[in-house]
N, C-alpha and C. Protein backbone atom coordinates (compact mmCIF):
# COMPACT_ATOMS: atom_id res chain seq x y z
N MET A 1 0.78 -1.59 0.09
CA MET A 1 -0.12 0.09 -0.24
C MET A 1 0.56 1.38 0.45
N ASN A 2 1.88 0.99 0.52
CA ASN A 2 2.99 2.34 0.77
C ASN A 2 3.23 2.80 -0.69
N MET A 3 3.80 1.59 -1.35
CA MET A 3 4.65 1.58 -2.73
C MET A 3 3.61 2.54 -3.64
N PHE A 4 2.25 2.01 -3.75
CA PHE A 4 0.77 2.64 -4.41
C PHE A 4 0.89 4.22 -4.04
N VAL A 5 0.96 4.52 -2.86
CA VAL A 5 0.66 5.63 -2.21
C VAL A 5 1.90 6.75 -2.84
N LEU A 6 3.55 5.93 -2.67
CA LEU A 6 5.00 6.85 -3.34
C LEU A 6 4.28 6.86 -4.75
N ASN A 7 4.21 5.94 -5.30
CA ASN A 7 4.00 5.57 -7.06
C ASN A 7 2.67 7.21 -7.16
N THR A 8 1.77 7.68 -6.44
CA THR A 8 0.64 8.35 -6.53
C THR A 8 1.55 9.47 -6.34
N GLN A 9 2.36 9.76 -5.45
CA GLN A 9 2.87 11.31 -5.20
C GLN A 9 3.77 11.46 -6.48
N HIS A 10 4.65 10.78 -6.69
CA HIS A 10 5.80 10.54 -7.99
C HIS A 10 4.84 11.05 -9.07
N SER A 11 3.89 10.53 -9.17
CA SER A 11 3.02 10.93 -10.39
C SER A 11 2.52 12.26 -10.26
N TYR A 12 2.10 12.67 -9.14
CA TYR A 12 1.45 14.22 -9.16
C TYR A 12 2.93 14.87 -9.12
N SER A 13 3.98 14.69 -8.98
CA SER A 13 5.04 15.65 -8.81
C SER A 13 5.64 15.57 -10.19
N LEU A 14 5.43 14.45 -11.06
CA LEU A 14 5.70 14.43 -12.76
C LEU A 14 4.48 15.59 -13.41
N PHE A 15 3.91 15.13 -12.63
CA PHE A 15 2.40 15.66 -13.91
C PHE A 15 2.48 17.26 -13.27
N LEU A 16 3.14 17.81 -12.11
CA LEU A 16 3.28 19.28 -11.88
C LEU A 16 4.77 19.82 -12.57
N LEU A 17 5.43 19.08 -12.80
CA LEU A 17 6.77 18.91 -13.60
C LEU A 17 6.20 19.67 -15.01
N PHE A 18 5.56 18.35 -15.33
CA PHE A 18 5.03 18.37 -17.10
C PHE A 18 4.23 19.72 -17.08
N LEU A 19 3.37 20.08 -16.41
CA LEU A 19 2.71 21.65 -16.40
C LEU A 19 3.45 22.63 -16.49
N VAL A 20 4.24 22.84 -15.63
CA VAL A 20 5.61 23.87 -15.70
C VAL A 20 6.05 23.73 -16.84
N SER A 21 6.93 23.18 -17.28
CA SER A 21 7.21 23.09 -18.84
C SER A 21 6.56 23.41 -19.39
N VAL A 22 5.32 22.98 -19.58
CA VAL A 22 4.55 23.11 -20.89
C VAL A 22 4.42 25.02 -20.89
N ALA A 23 4.16 25.23 -19.54
CA ALA A 23 3.82 26.67 -19.27
C ALA A 23 5.15 27.34 -19.87
N LEU A 24 6.20 26.85 -19.58
CA LEU A 24 7.54 28.03 -19.49
C LEU A 24 7.89 27.49 -21.24
N PHE A 25 7.71 26.54 -21.87
CA PHE A 25 7.94 26.43 -23.82
C PHE A 25 6.73 26.80 -24.48
N SER A 26 5.82 26.68 -23.72
CA SER A 26 4.40 27.25 -24.89
C SER A 26 4.37 29.04 -24.66
N TYR A 27 5.09 30.07 -24.36
CA TYR A 27 4.87 31.21 -24.38
C TYR A 27 4.24 31.63 -25.47
N SER A 28 3.64 32.70 -25.63
CA SER A 28 2.83 33.90 -26.87
C SER A 28 3.60 34.62 -26.79
N VAL A 29 3.56 35.43 -28.09
CA VAL A 29 4.18 36.81 -28.64
C VAL A 29 2.93 37.76 -28.41
N GLN A 30 2.98 38.52 -28.03
CA GLN A 30 1.71 39.62 -27.62
C GLN A 30 2.22 40.52 -28.47
N PRO A 31 1.31 41.10 -29.03
CA PRO A 31 1.76 42.73 -30.26
C PRO A 31 1.43 43.58 -29.15
N MET A 32 1.92 44.94 -29.61
CA MET A 32 2.21 45.91 -28.79
C MET A 32 1.58 47.26 -29.65
N ARG A 33 0.77 48.07 -28.59
CA ARG A 33 -0.10 49.10 -29.59
C ARG A 33 0.69 50.10 -29.25
N PHE A 34 0.94 51.35 -29.76
CA PHE A 34 1.70 52.41 -29.90
C PHE A 34 0.71 53.38 -30.84
N ASP A 35 0.91 54.96 -30.09
CA ASP A 35 0.77 56.28 -31.05
C ASP A 35 1.71 56.48 -31.81
N LEU A 36 1.55 56.67 -32.70
CA LEU A 36 2.08 57.70 -33.49
C LEU A 36 2.28 58.87 -33.70
N PRO A 37 2.89 59.52 -33.45
CA PRO A 37 2.74 61.28 -33.12
C PRO A 37 2.57 61.76 -34.57
N PRO A 38 2.20 62.76 -34.74
CA PRO A 38 1.86 63.47 -36.13
C PRO A 38 3.54 64.35 -36.80
N ASP A 39 4.45 63.44 -36.07
CA ASP A 39 5.77 64.86 -36.61
C ASP A 39 6.37 63.68 -37.26
N LYS A 40 7.64 64.63 -38.03
CA LYS A 40 8.74 63.56 -38.63
C LYS A 40 9.68 62.92 -38.37
N ALA A 41 10.00 62.81 -36.76
CA ALA A 41 10.64 62.13 -36.08
C ALA A 41 9.90 60.36 -36.08
N GLY A 42 8.70 60.28 -35.52
CA GLY A 42 8.38 58.74 -35.72
C GLY A 42 8.85 58.29 -34.29
N ARG A 43 8.66 56.94 -34.31
CA ARG A 43 9.48 56.26 -33.41
C ARG A 43 9.66 55.00 -33.53
N CYS A 44 10.87 54.70 -32.78
CA CYS A 44 11.93 53.64 -33.28
C CYS A 44 12.00 52.33 -32.26
N PHE A 45 12.20 51.70 -32.58
CA PHE A 45 12.34 50.51 -31.19
C PHE A 45 13.37 49.70 -31.67
N SER A 46 13.94 48.57 -30.77
CA SER A 46 15.37 47.92 -31.33
C SER A 46 14.83 46.81 -30.69
N GLU A 47 15.45 45.73 -31.44
CA GLU A 47 15.49 44.14 -30.80
C GLU A 47 16.85 43.75 -31.06
N GLU A 48 16.81 43.34 -29.84
CA GLU A 48 18.42 42.81 -29.95
C GLU A 48 18.51 41.34 -29.99
N ILE A 49 19.67 41.27 -30.95
CA ILE A 49 19.70 39.69 -31.65
C ILE A 49 20.82 39.20 -31.06
N THR A 50 21.10 37.97 -30.71
CA THR A 50 22.35 37.36 -30.12
C THR A 50 22.66 36.27 -30.11
N LYS A 51 22.26 36.02 -32.05
CA LYS A 51 22.47 35.01 -32.00
C LYS A 51 22.54 34.85 -33.68
N ILE A 52 23.43 34.67 -34.22
CA ILE A 52 23.98 34.79 -36.04
C ILE A 52 22.79 33.73 -36.55
N ASN A 53 21.97 34.26 -37.53
CA ASN A 53 21.29 33.36 -38.43
C ASN A 53 19.99 33.16 -37.81
N SER A 54 19.65 34.02 -36.83
CA SER A 54 18.19 33.99 -36.16
C SER A 54 17.04 34.86 -37.27
N MET A 55 16.36 34.33 -37.22
CA MET A 55 14.89 34.79 -38.34
C MET A 55 14.36 35.35 -37.39
N VAL A 56 13.69 36.62 -38.22
CA VAL A 56 13.25 37.85 -37.59
C VAL A 56 11.92 38.40 -38.43
N ILE A 57 11.02 38.05 -37.75
CA ILE A 57 9.32 38.56 -38.20
C ILE A 57 8.31 39.73 -37.44
N GLY A 58 8.18 40.50 -38.33
CA GLY A 58 7.48 41.59 -38.08
C GLY A 58 6.02 41.67 -38.65
N ASN A 59 4.99 42.19 -38.00
CA ASN A 59 3.89 42.46 -38.53
C ASN A 59 3.51 43.93 -38.10
N TYR A 60 2.91 44.62 -38.82
CA TYR A 60 2.59 46.29 -38.38
C TYR A 60 1.04 46.50 -39.19
N SER A 61 0.00 47.35 -38.18
CA SER A 61 -0.76 47.90 -38.88
C SER A 61 -1.29 48.86 -38.40
N ILE A 62 -1.84 49.95 -38.81
CA ILE A 62 -2.41 51.10 -38.07
C ILE A 62 -4.41 50.57 -37.85
N VAL A 63 -4.25 50.91 -36.66
CA VAL A 63 -5.65 50.60 -36.21
C VAL A 63 -7.00 51.05 -36.24
N ASN A 64 -6.68 52.32 -36.18
CA ASN A 64 -7.78 53.28 -36.01
C ASN A 64 -8.05 53.91 -37.25
N SER A 65 -7.37 53.34 -38.56
CA SER A 65 -7.66 54.19 -39.47
C SER A 65 -8.85 54.78 -40.36
N ASN A 66 -10.00 54.56 -39.81
CA ASN A 66 -11.45 54.85 -39.95
C ASN A 66 -11.67 56.08 -39.17
N GLN A 67 -10.80 56.99 -38.62
CA GLN A 67 -10.87 58.03 -37.67
C GLN A 67 -10.29 58.90 -38.86
N ASP A 68 -11.12 60.21 -38.56
CA ASP A 68 -10.52 61.41 -39.60
C ASP A 68 -9.04 61.48 -39.55
N PRO A 69 -7.88 61.96 -40.49
CA PRO A 69 -8.57 61.40 -41.54
C PRO A 69 -8.61 59.93 -42.25
N ALA A 70 -9.30 59.54 -43.36
CA ALA A 70 -9.45 58.36 -43.55
C ALA A 70 -7.74 57.99 -43.90
N ASN A 71 -6.77 58.63 -44.75
CA ASN A 71 -6.07 57.99 -45.49
C ASN A 71 -4.59 58.13 -44.58
N HIS A 72 -4.86 57.19 -43.11
CA HIS A 72 -3.72 57.35 -42.47
C HIS A 72 -2.34 56.55 -43.03
N THR A 73 -1.04 56.65 -43.41
CA THR A 73 0.05 55.94 -43.69
C THR A 73 0.95 56.20 -43.22
N MET A 74 1.65 55.40 -42.97
CA MET A 74 3.22 55.48 -42.65
C MET A 74 4.16 55.04 -43.30
N THR A 75 5.43 55.17 -42.99
CA THR A 75 6.75 54.61 -43.84
C THR A 75 7.21 53.93 -41.82
N VAL A 76 7.51 52.78 -43.29
CA VAL A 76 8.39 52.01 -42.08
C VAL A 76 9.61 51.22 -42.19
N GLN A 77 10.58 51.18 -41.85
CA GLN A 77 12.37 50.91 -42.30
C GLN A 77 12.59 49.78 -41.06
N VAL A 78 13.09 48.91 -41.23
CA VAL A 78 14.15 48.16 -40.55
C VAL A 78 15.47 48.40 -40.90
N PHE A 79 16.39 48.55 -39.69
CA PHE A 79 18.01 48.78 -39.96
C PHE A 79 18.80 47.83 -39.22
N PRO A 80 20.07 47.04 -39.69
CA PRO A 80 20.35 46.17 -39.44
C PRO A 80 21.26 47.30 -38.37
N PRO A 81 22.01 46.41 -37.55
CA PRO A 81 23.19 47.22 -36.48
C PRO A 81 24.45 47.73 -37.22
N LYS A 82 24.84 49.01 -36.89
CA LYS A 82 25.08 49.95 -37.37
C LYS A 82 24.92 49.86 -39.28
N GLY A 83 23.98 49.92 -39.36
CA GLY A 83 23.58 49.72 -41.02
C GLY A 83 22.89 51.15 -41.01
N VAL A 84 23.43 51.57 -42.91
CA VAL A 84 23.00 52.58 -43.18
C VAL A 84 21.89 51.91 -44.41
N TYR A 85 22.05 51.13 -45.00
CA TYR A 85 20.47 50.78 -45.63
C TYR A 85 19.80 49.62 -44.80
N PRO A 86 18.38 50.14 -45.26
CA PRO A 86 17.28 49.38 -44.60
C PRO A 86 17.27 47.83 -45.00
N TYR A 87 16.95 46.95 -44.09
CA TYR A 87 16.77 45.44 -44.67
C TYR A 87 15.16 45.34 -45.21
N HIS A 88 14.54 46.30 -44.50
CA HIS A 88 13.16 46.77 -44.94
C HIS A 88 12.73 47.83 -45.26
N LEU A 89 12.07 48.16 -46.40
CA LEU A 89 11.05 49.96 -46.66
C LEU A 89 10.14 49.63 -46.99
N ALA A 90 9.04 50.17 -46.43
CA ALA A 90 7.61 49.96 -47.03
C ALA A 90 7.11 51.68 -46.47
N GLU A 91 7.19 52.39 -47.79
CA GLU A 91 6.36 53.95 -47.68
C GLU A 91 5.37 54.15 -48.09
N HIS A 92 4.37 54.69 -47.00
CA HIS A 92 3.32 54.80 -47.27
C HIS A 92 1.95 53.58 -47.45
N VAL A 93 2.30 52.94 -46.51
CA VAL A 93 1.25 51.65 -46.16
C VAL A 93 0.65 52.08 -44.68
N GLN A 94 -0.32 51.44 -44.74
CA GLN A 94 -1.18 51.15 -43.63
C GLN A 94 -1.20 49.85 -43.07
N ALA A 95 -0.36 48.49 -43.69
CA ALA A 95 -0.16 47.60 -42.80
C ALA A 95 0.80 46.76 -43.75
N GLY A 96 1.62 45.96 -42.94
CA GLY A 96 2.52 45.36 -43.61
C GLY A 96 3.41 44.21 -42.84
N GLN A 97 4.34 43.02 -43.15
CA GLN A 97 5.17 42.53 -42.80
C GLN A 97 6.75 42.53 -43.28
N PHE A 98 7.56 42.15 -42.35
CA PHE A 98 9.14 42.46 -42.88
C PHE A 98 9.60 40.82 -42.11
N GLY A 99 10.45 39.97 -42.76
CA GLY A 99 11.31 38.72 -42.68
C GLY A 99 12.61 39.08 -43.01
N PHE A 100 13.59 38.69 -42.31
CA PHE A 100 15.04 38.58 -42.45
C PHE A 100 15.60 37.71 -41.81
N THR A 101 16.93 37.05 -42.46
CA THR A 101 17.38 36.30 -41.54
C THR A 101 18.41 37.34 -40.95
N ALA A 102 19.20 37.64 -39.40
CA ALA A 102 20.06 38.53 -39.01
C ALA A 102 21.26 37.76 -39.20
N TYR A 103 22.30 38.52 -40.07
CA TYR A 103 23.62 37.92 -40.20
C TYR A 103 24.66 38.78 -39.28
N GLN A 104 24.01 39.40 -38.45
CA GLN A 104 24.96 40.41 -37.50
C GLN A 104 24.64 40.03 -36.01
N ILE A 105 25.21 40.27 -34.48
CA ILE A 105 24.50 40.08 -33.61
C ILE A 105 24.68 41.86 -33.38
N GLY A 106 23.63 41.92 -32.89
CA GLY A 106 23.30 43.70 -32.18
C GLY A 106 21.83 43.84 -32.18
N GLN A 107 21.61 45.00 -31.88
CA GLN A 107 20.51 46.11 -31.96
C GLN A 107 19.95 46.26 -33.50
N TYR A 108 18.82 45.75 -33.86
CA TYR A 108 18.14 46.23 -34.78
C TYR A 108 16.86 47.33 -34.69
N ALA A 109 16.80 48.45 -35.58
CA ALA A 109 16.17 49.28 -35.54
C ALA A 109 14.98 49.01 -36.15
N ILE A 110 13.54 48.94 -35.43
CA ILE A 110 12.41 49.16 -36.38
C ILE A 110 11.88 50.60 -36.10
N CYS A 111 11.66 51.39 -37.48
CA CYS A 111 11.02 52.72 -37.05
C CYS A 111 9.92 52.61 -37.90
N PHE A 112 8.99 53.72 -37.38
CA PHE A 112 7.93 53.74 -37.81
C PHE A 112 7.70 55.45 -37.94
N MET A 113 7.35 56.12 -39.35
CA MET A 113 6.91 57.18 -39.10
C MET A 113 5.70 57.77 -40.24
N ASP A 114 5.43 58.64 -39.50
CA ASP A 114 3.81 59.20 -40.01
C ASP A 114 4.04 59.89 -41.27
N THR A 115 3.45 59.21 -42.42
CA THR A 115 3.65 60.24 -43.80
C THR A 115 1.73 60.80 -43.83
N THR A 116 1.07 61.18 -43.10
CA THR A 116 -0.16 61.25 -43.30
C THR A 116 -0.20 62.63 -43.69
N GLU A 117 -1.12 63.33 -44.33
CA GLU A 117 -1.03 64.71 -44.95
C GLU A 117 -1.72 65.96 -43.77
N ASP A 118 -2.61 65.27 -42.83
CA ASP A 118 -2.71 66.04 -41.40
C ASP A 118 -1.86 65.53 -40.76
N ARG A 119 -1.17 66.90 -40.41
CA ARG A 119 -0.25 66.86 -39.24
C ARG A 119 -0.69 66.95 -37.81
N GLN A 120 -2.27 66.88 -37.82
CA GLN A 120 -2.69 67.33 -36.73
C GLN A 120 -3.22 65.97 -36.19
N ALA A 121 -2.98 64.58 -36.88
CA ALA A 121 -3.92 63.84 -36.31
C ALA A 121 -2.67 62.40 -35.62
N THR A 122 -3.09 61.98 -34.72
CA THR A 122 -2.43 61.24 -34.21
C THR A 122 -3.20 59.67 -34.22
N PHE A 123 -2.26 58.12 -34.75
CA PHE A 123 -2.87 57.58 -35.08
C PHE A 123 -2.02 55.93 -34.14
N SER A 124 -2.94 54.73 -33.95
CA SER A 124 -2.12 53.85 -33.41
C SER A 124 -2.21 52.60 -34.44
N VAL A 125 -0.46 52.30 -33.76
CA VAL A 125 0.03 51.18 -34.85
C VAL A 125 0.19 49.89 -33.47
N ASP A 126 -0.62 48.66 -34.32
CA ASP A 126 -0.17 47.76 -33.79
C ASP A 126 0.75 47.25 -34.05
N PHE A 127 2.07 46.52 -33.53
CA PHE A 127 3.05 45.93 -34.17
C PHE A 127 3.78 44.66 -32.71
N GLU A 128 3.77 43.44 -34.06
CA GLU A 128 4.41 42.73 -33.38
C GLU A 128 5.96 42.04 -33.97
N CYS A 129 6.50 41.58 -33.52
CA CYS A 129 8.08 41.23 -33.84
C CYS A 129 8.24 40.01 -32.81
N ARG A 130 8.78 38.89 -33.75
CA ARG A 130 8.91 37.74 -33.25
C ARG A 130 10.39 37.38 -33.94
N THR A 131 11.24 36.64 -33.09
CA THR A 131 12.78 36.30 -33.46
C THR A 131 12.93 34.78 -33.00
N GLY A 132 13.88 34.19 -33.64
CA GLY A 132 14.39 33.01 -33.12
C GLY A 132 13.11 32.14 -33.33
N VAL A 133 13.35 31.37 -32.31
CA VAL A 133 11.94 30.31 -32.31
C VAL A 133 10.65 30.91 -32.41
N ALA A 134 10.26 31.50 -31.97
CA ALA A 134 8.67 32.52 -31.97
C ALA A 134 8.70 32.70 -33.44
N ALA A 135 9.63 33.25 -34.41
CA ALA A 135 9.64 33.45 -35.45
C ALA A 135 8.92 31.79 -36.53
N ALA A 136 9.39 30.67 -36.16
CA ALA A 136 9.22 29.96 -36.84
C ALA A 136 8.17 29.37 -36.58
N LYS A 137 7.25 29.97 -35.81
CA LYS A 137 5.78 29.35 -35.63
C LYS A 137 5.05 29.95 -36.19
N GLY A 138 3.55 29.56 -36.52
CA GLY A 138 2.78 30.09 -37.07
C GLY A 138 3.13 30.23 -38.60
N HIS A 139 2.03 31.59 -39.31
CA HIS A 139 1.88 31.79 -40.54
C HIS A 139 2.53 32.70 -41.19
N HIS A 140 4.10 32.58 -40.84
CA HIS A 140 5.10 33.34 -41.00
C HIS A 140 5.98 32.65 -42.35
N LYS A 141 5.57 31.57 -43.25
CA LYS A 141 6.58 31.08 -43.68
C LYS A 141 6.80 31.54 -44.70
N ASN A 142 5.92 32.10 -45.28
CA ASN A 142 6.07 32.81 -46.68
C ASN A 142 7.25 34.05 -46.72
N ILE A 143 7.36 34.54 -45.47
CA ILE A 143 8.18 35.50 -45.50
C ILE A 143 9.61 35.00 -45.14
N ALA A 144 9.50 33.68 -44.60
CA ALA A 144 11.10 32.93 -44.50
C ALA A 144 11.62 32.54 -45.83
N LYS A 145 10.59 32.27 -47.04
CA LYS A 145 10.69 31.93 -48.41
C LYS A 145 11.28 33.06 -49.00
N LYS A 146 10.63 34.28 -49.05
CA LYS A 146 11.10 35.50 -49.49
C LYS A 146 12.49 35.88 -49.19
N SER A 147 12.59 35.76 -47.72
CA SER A 147 14.38 36.25 -47.31
C SER A 147 15.03 35.23 -48.12
N ASP A 148 14.97 34.22 -48.19
CA ASP A 148 15.58 32.68 -48.73
C ASP A 148 15.97 33.36 -49.96
N VAL A 149 14.63 33.62 -50.71
CA VAL A 149 15.33 34.14 -52.31
C VAL A 149 15.60 34.97 -52.51
N VAL A 150 15.62 36.46 -51.23
CA VAL A 150 16.84 37.62 -51.34
C VAL A 150 17.88 37.37 -51.87
N SER A 151 18.56 36.15 -50.70
CA SER A 151 19.78 35.90 -50.86
C SER A 151 20.23 35.11 -52.13
N MET A 152 19.16 33.78 -51.97
CA MET A 152 19.79 33.19 -53.89
C MET A 152 19.86 34.16 -54.80
N ALA A 153 19.01 35.24 -54.93
CA ALA A 153 19.34 36.20 -55.80
C ALA A 153 20.08 36.78 -55.74
N PHE A 154 20.87 36.90 -54.65
CA PHE A 154 22.36 37.56 -54.85
C PHE A 154 23.61 36.59 -55.21
N GLU A 155 23.30 35.59 -54.56
CA GLU A 155 24.26 34.27 -55.19
C GLU A 155 24.18 34.21 -56.50
N VAL A 156 23.12 33.93 -57.46
CA VAL A 156 22.91 33.89 -58.66
C VAL A 156 23.56 35.59 -59.14
N GLN A 157 23.25 36.44 -59.02
CA GLN A 157 24.18 37.91 -59.50
C GLN A 157 25.61 37.56 -59.53
N MET A 158 26.20 37.11 -58.30
CA MET A 158 27.85 36.65 -58.08
C MET A 158 28.08 35.79 -59.03
N MET A 159 27.64 34.81 -59.59
CA MET A 159 27.76 33.49 -60.37
C MET A 159 27.68 34.18 -61.48
N HIS A 160 26.72 34.71 -62.04
CA HIS A 160 26.39 35.67 -63.13
C HIS A 160 27.74 36.46 -63.28
N GLU A 161 28.43 37.13 -62.54
CA GLU A 161 29.61 38.34 -62.66
C GLU A 161 30.80 37.66 -62.95
N THR A 162 30.84 36.00 -62.19
CA THR A 162 32.16 35.56 -61.88
C THR A 162 31.90 34.87 -63.65
N ALA A 163 31.12 34.30 -64.19
CA ALA A 163 30.85 34.16 -65.42
C ALA A 163 31.36 34.70 -66.72
N LEU A 164 30.44 35.82 -66.65
CA LEU A 164 30.96 37.05 -67.32
C LEU A 164 32.42 37.59 -67.24
N ALA A 165 33.18 37.35 -66.06
CA ALA A 165 34.65 37.64 -65.98
C ALA A 165 35.49 36.10 -66.92
N ILE A 166 34.99 35.22 -66.28
CA ILE A 166 35.20 33.60 -67.07
C ILE A 166 35.17 34.46 -68.52
N LYS A 167 34.18 34.75 -69.18
CA LYS A 167 33.95 34.50 -70.56
C LYS A 167 35.18 35.76 -70.98
N GLU A 168 35.34 36.42 -70.32
CA GLU A 168 36.28 38.11 -70.79
C GLU A 168 37.48 37.05 -70.99
N GLU A 169 37.97 36.77 -70.06
CA GLU A 169 39.22 36.00 -69.77
C GLU A 169 39.30 35.27 -71.03
N MET A 170 38.82 33.99 -71.19
CA MET A 170 38.76 33.23 -72.59
C MET A 170 38.51 34.10 -73.86
N SER A 171 38.05 34.84 -73.90
CA SER A 171 38.29 36.01 -75.37
C SER A 171 39.63 36.50 -75.20
N TYR A 172 40.30 37.12 -74.16
CA TYR A 172 41.60 37.72 -74.39
C TYR A 172 42.40 36.61 -74.58
N LEU A 173 42.33 34.96 -74.17
CA LEU A 173 43.15 34.74 -74.33
C LEU A 173 43.33 33.77 -75.90
N LEU A 174 42.26 33.80 -76.35
CA LEU A 174 41.80 33.30 -77.69
C LEU A 174 42.20 34.11 -78.62
N GLU A 175 41.94 35.67 -78.50
CA GLU A 175 42.64 36.67 -79.23
C GLU A 175 44.02 36.90 -79.01
N ARG A 176 44.79 36.47 -78.04
CA ARG A 176 46.15 36.25 -77.69
C ARG A 176 47.05 35.29 -78.51
N ASN A 177 46.38 34.18 -78.33
CA ASN A 177 46.74 33.04 -79.35
C ASN A 177 46.76 33.23 -80.79
N ASP A 178 45.76 34.10 -81.16
CA ASP A 178 45.39 34.05 -82.49
C ASP A 178 46.61 35.27 -83.49
């Protein structure tokens, strides 16, 4: 009988351990909402990437676009650490998404700027950013494929330039032999 009680207590502790594990590993990423002021300064956020080749996925949208004026728009830019050229640039949009593979460790800046004609209107933006394992979950597979295509296009361009250089070298050698 003592053995049964011991096994029952052991199974309760295993069940509790299981629940704690599930709670720790099944976290969810909640979007944040912020107001975008009607000035040209905008608002920037940063995401610390601590592992090379981490995937970063972001979604953003204006949530009160039905208030005056009806044409709320924004420009969204994503910059790498110490980067001058943005990884993502979307101008005069009401919603969008971005995705890229982080090839550098550091602070990535995500900036939102109001591009609405009316300088009096403030509007709210929903923003969600996922990195690493959280980015791989959900419906973000198309963005990951897009970032793969961009890197593949770069490699194809490099191979094309190499082939052109080889062709020029072959032409030069043929002319020299004649």
